[in-house]
Amino acid sequence: MKLTPAFCLGMIVTVFLGVSLFVISQENQKQRDVLSTLNKSLQAKQEHRLTLEAEWAYLNKPERLEKMMATLNKTDVGDAPVLAQSNVMEALPVIALILPPPSKPAKRYAVIQNAEPVKDIAMVLSQLGQGVE
């Protein structure tokens, strides 16, 4: 068997195409794995959302809420909304307003260009209207 340039070129092209096909198939498999992971995550989140919607629907059933308000108020269900709000407001503890201690006002500083060193700070403060504290 004689190695002709056409045969060598054909072998190089065949090897190149085989390596390319392998790399592309590996990349395709990685993308499928990522897609599978995303689909599983999406499905789990959708199931969680449906569970939350079912819980919300149960917790907001009018019959259940009326029964709960009547139980809490120990009164007729017709007066429950007003009484429920008043009972809640009465049950809240009184919270005292605690203010931070007053802070001293920030001192103003003037930038004086081409000034000589200050020997008497009281004189400078009196000129700025601050006075000596």
Protein backbone atom coordinates (compact mmCIF):
# COMPACT_ATOMS: atom_id res chain seq x y z
CA MET A 1 0.00 0.00 0.00
CA LYS A 2 1.41 3.25 -1.13
CA LEU A 3 0.89 6.47 0.87
CA THR A 4 -0.32 8.98 -1.61
CA PRO A 5 -1.04 12.62 -0.76
CA ALA A 6 -4.74 12.05 -1.36
CA PHE A 7 -4.80 9.14 1.08
CA CYS A 8 -2.96 11.18 3.75
CA LEU A 9 -5.32 14.13 3.22
CA GLY A 10 -8.32 11.79 3.49
CA MET A 11 -7.00 10.29 6.75
CA ILE A 12 -6.39 13.76 8.24
CA VAL A 13 -9.90 14.91 7.30
CA THR A 14 -11.39 11.68 8.71
CA VAL A 15 -9.51 12.07 12.03
CA PHE A 16 -10.47 15.76 12.22
CA LEU A 17 -14.13 14.99 11.59
CA GLY A 18 -14.10 12.16 14.16
CA VAL A 19 -12.56 14.38 16.86
CA SER A 20 -15.00 17.18 16.00
CA LEU A 21 -17.95 14.80 16.23
CA PHE A 22 -16.72 13.54 19.62
CA VAL A 23 -16.30 17.08 21.03
CA ILE A 24 -19.72 18.15 19.75
CA SER A 25 -21.42 15.07 21.19
CA GLN A 26 -19.78 15.66 24.59
CA GLU A 27 -20.88 19.30 24.59
CA ASN A 28 -24.39 18.20 23.58
CA GLN A 29 -24.50 15.76 26.52
CA LYS A 30 -23.39 18.50 28.94
CA GLN A 31 -26.15 20.79 27.65
CA ARG A 32 -28.72 18.00 28.02
CA ASP A 33 -27.59 17.45 31.62
CA VAL A 34 -27.96 21.15 32.37
CA LEU A 35 -31.39 21.18 30.73
CA SER A 36 -32.46 18.14 32.75
CA THR A 37 -31.33 19.82 35.99
CA LEU A 38 -33.20 23.01 35.12
CA ASN A 39 -36.36 21.08 34.26
CA LYS A 40 -36.24 19.22 37.59
CA SER A 41 -35.76 22.50 39.45
CA LEU A 42 -38.61 24.12 37.54
CA GLN A 43 -40.92 21.20 38.25
CA ALA A 44 -40.06 21.31 41.98
CA LYS A 45 -40.76 25.04 42.10
CA GLN A 46 -44.08 24.60 40.30
CA GLU A 47 -45.10 21.88 42.76
CA HIS A 48 -44.11 24.14 45.66
CA ARG A 49 -46.16 27.00 44.16
CA LEU A 50 -49.18 24.73 43.79
CA THR A 51 -48.78 23.61 47.40
CA LEU A 52 -48.65 27.23 48.57
CA GLU A 53 -51.72 28.09 46.50
CA ALA A 54 -53.61 25.17 48.06
CA GLU A 55 -52.58 26.27 51.56
CA TRP A 56 -53.60 29.85 50.79
CA ALA A 57 -56.98 28.71 49.52
CA TYR A 58 -57.54 26.65 52.67
CA LEU A 59 -56.46 29.44 55.00
CA ASN A 60 -58.73 31.97 53.28
CA LYS A 61 -61.92 29.91 53.15
CA PRO A 62 -64.70 32.25 54.33
CA GLU A 63 -66.33 29.56 56.48
CA ARG A 64 -63.07 28.85 58.28
CA LEU A 65 -62.34 32.54 58.83
CA GLU A 66 -65.84 33.23 60.17
CA LYS A 67 -65.58 30.29 62.54
CA MET A 68 -62.16 31.43 63.75
CA MET A 69 -63.36 35.00 64.30
CA ALA A 70 -66.43 33.77 66.16
CA THR A 71 -64.25 31.56 68.35
CA LEU A 72 -61.86 34.41 69.10
CA ASN A 73 -64.59 36.92 69.82
CA LYS A 74 -67.05 34.57 71.55
CA THR A 75 -69.78 36.63 69.89
CA ASP A 76 -72.17 36.49 66.96
CA VAL A 77 -70.47 36.08 63.60
CA GLY A 78 -72.29 39.13 62.17
CA ASP A 79 -70.43 41.51 64.52
CA ALA A 80 -67.12 39.67 64.17
CA PRO A 81 -65.15 41.99 61.87
CA VAL A 82 -65.57 45.07 64.09
CA LEU A 83 -65.05 43.15 67.30
CA ALA A 84 -62.05 41.28 65.96
CA GLN A 85 -60.28 44.52 65.13
CA SER A 86 -61.13 46.09 68.48
CA ASN A 87 -60.00 42.98 70.37
CA VAL A 88 -56.73 42.95 68.51
CA MET A 89 -56.11 46.63 69.20
CA GLU A 90 -56.88 46.14 72.90
CA ALA A 91 -54.60 43.12 73.11
CA LEU A 92 -51.58 44.96 71.70
CA PRO A 93 -49.10 46.09 74.34
CA VAL A 94 -48.45 49.78 74.74
CA ILE A 95 -45.07 50.64 73.29
CA ALA A 96 -43.32 53.69 74.68
CA LEU A 97 -41.62 55.94 72.18
CA ILE A 98 -37.93 55.99 72.99
CA LEU A 99 -36.07 58.82 71.35
CA PRO A 100 -32.29 58.95 71.04
CA PRO A 101 -30.57 61.55 73.19
CA PRO A 102 -30.27 64.93 71.53
CA SER A 103 -26.99 65.37 69.73
CA LYS A 104 -24.87 68.45 69.72
CA PRO A 105 -25.00 70.42 66.50
CA ALA A 106 -22.09 69.90 64.18
CA LYS A 107 -19.49 72.60 64.35
CA ARG A 108 -18.84 74.63 61.27
CA TYR A 109 -15.32 74.95 60.04
CA ALA A 110 -14.27 77.64 57.64
CA VAL A 111 -11.48 77.14 55.15
CA ILE A 112 -9.37 80.25 55.02
CA GLN A 113 -6.92 80.42 52.17
CA ASN A 114 -3.57 82.10 52.56
CA ALA A 115 -4.14 82.57 56.30
CA GLU A 116 -1.53 82.83 58.98
CA PRO A 117 -1.48 80.29 61.84
CA VAL A 118 -4.16 81.00 64.44
CA LYS A 119 -2.90 81.83 67.90
CA ASP A 120 -6.19 82.69 69.58
CA ILE A 121 -8.96 80.16 68.80
CA ALA A 122 -11.53 82.13 70.80
CA MET A 123 -11.11 85.10 68.48
CA VAL A 124 -11.64 82.94 65.37
CA LEU A 125 -14.73 81.29 66.87
CA SER A 126 -16.22 84.65 67.81
CA GLN A 127 -15.69 85.86 64.24
CA LEU A 128 -17.48 82.78 62.92
CA GLY A 129 -20.37 83.35 65.31
CA GLN A 130 -19.71 80.20 67.31
CA GLY A 131 -18.41 81.63 70.54
CA VAL A 132 -16.40 79.64 73.04
CA GLU A 133 -18.18 76.70 74.61
